[in-house]
Amino acid sequence: MITSLKHTCAGMARPMELLAPAGGMEQLECAVHFGADAVYLAGKRFGMRRRASNFDDAGITSAVKFAHEHGVK
């Protein structure tokens, strides 16, 4: 059973992606600098990470622009 499961999954394998949290611009820059493929972030009004400073509306725009300029999702 395990052999057939590996065979099925191997056909659908995708490259791994390093996803990092970014609670603020400093963390975003560090994640990009250290090779993150993608980052996740939240706004001040909607965020599940209680201690993160999170981004205001203008900050989200800047963060997304910065990430995309560096090839990060």
Protein backbone atom coordinates (compact mmCIF):
# COMPACT_ATOMS: atom_id res chain seq x y z
CA MET A 1 0.00 0.00 0.00
CA ILE A 2 2.75 2.50 0.93
CA THR A 3 4.63 1.76 -2.31
CA SER A 4 1.57 2.55 -4.42
CA LEU A 5 0.92 5.74 -2.43
CA LYS A 6 4.50 6.91 -3.04
CA HIS A 7 4.13 6.14 -6.72
CA THR A 8 0.91 8.16 -6.94
CA CYS A 9 2.34 11.11 -5.02
CA ALA A 10 5.60 11.09 -6.98
CA GLY A 11 3.68 11.77 -10.17
CA MET A 12 2.15 14.89 -8.62
CA ALA A 13 5.25 16.15 -6.81
CA ARG A 14 5.95 19.86 -6.90
CA PRO A 15 9.11 21.58 -5.71
CA MET A 16 9.05 22.57 -2.06
CA GLU A 17 8.48 26.22 -1.27
CA LEU A 18 9.82 28.07 1.75
CA LEU A 19 6.97 30.10 3.25
CA ALA A 20 7.85 32.59 6.00
CA PRO A 21 5.77 34.85 8.24
CA ALA A 22 6.26 38.61 8.07
CA GLY A 23 4.81 40.57 10.97
CA GLY A 24 6.40 43.80 9.77
CA MET A 25 8.67 45.21 7.09
CA GLU A 26 11.86 44.20 8.94
CA GLN A 27 10.72 40.57 9.07
CA LEU A 28 9.70 40.69 5.41
CA GLU A 29 13.11 41.98 4.37
CA CYS A 30 14.85 39.28 6.42
CA ALA A 31 12.65 36.55 4.94
CA VAL A 32 13.45 37.73 1.42
CA HIS A 33 17.16 38.11 2.21
CA PHE A 34 17.38 34.58 3.61
CA GLY A 35 15.67 32.94 0.64
CA ALA A 36 11.95 32.70 1.30
CA ASP A 37 9.98 31.78 -1.81
CA ALA A 38 6.81 33.28 -0.34
CA VAL A 39 5.73 35.22 2.74
CA TYR A 40 2.45 35.62 4.53
CA LEU A 41 1.37 38.77 6.27
CA ALA A 42 -1.69 40.38 7.77
CA GLY A 43 -3.21 43.79 8.16
CA LYS A 44 -3.87 45.58 11.42
CA ARG A 45 -7.58 44.78 11.28
CA PHE A 46 -7.34 41.14 10.20
CA GLY A 47 -4.59 38.99 11.58
CA MET A 48 -4.32 35.81 13.61
CA ARG A 49 -0.81 36.47 14.94
CA ARG A 50 -1.45 38.34 18.14
CA ARG A 51 2.03 39.71 18.86
CA ALA A 52 2.88 40.75 15.30
CA SER A 53 2.75 44.47 14.59
CA ASN A 54 1.24 43.69 11.17
CA PHE A 55 0.84 46.09 8.27
CA ASP A 56 -1.44 49.07 7.78
CA ASP A 57 -3.10 49.46 4.37
CA ALA A 58 -0.21 51.46 2.86
CA GLY A 59 2.29 49.05 4.40
CA ILE A 60 0.65 46.05 2.73
CA THR A 61 0.96 47.78 -0.63
CA SER A 62 4.66 48.48 -0.01
CA ALA A 63 5.28 44.97 1.29
CA VAL A 64 3.69 43.29 -1.73
CA LYS A 65 5.61 45.56 -4.09
CA PHE A 66 8.90 44.80 -2.28
CA ALA A 67 8.25 41.05 -2.33
CA HIS A 68 7.32 40.98 -6.00
CA GLU A 69 10.34 43.09 -6.96
CA HIS A 70 12.47 40.38 -5.36
CA GLY A 71 10.63 37.46 -6.97
CA VAL A 72 8.85 36.45 -3.77
CA LYS A 73 5.17 35.53 -3.66
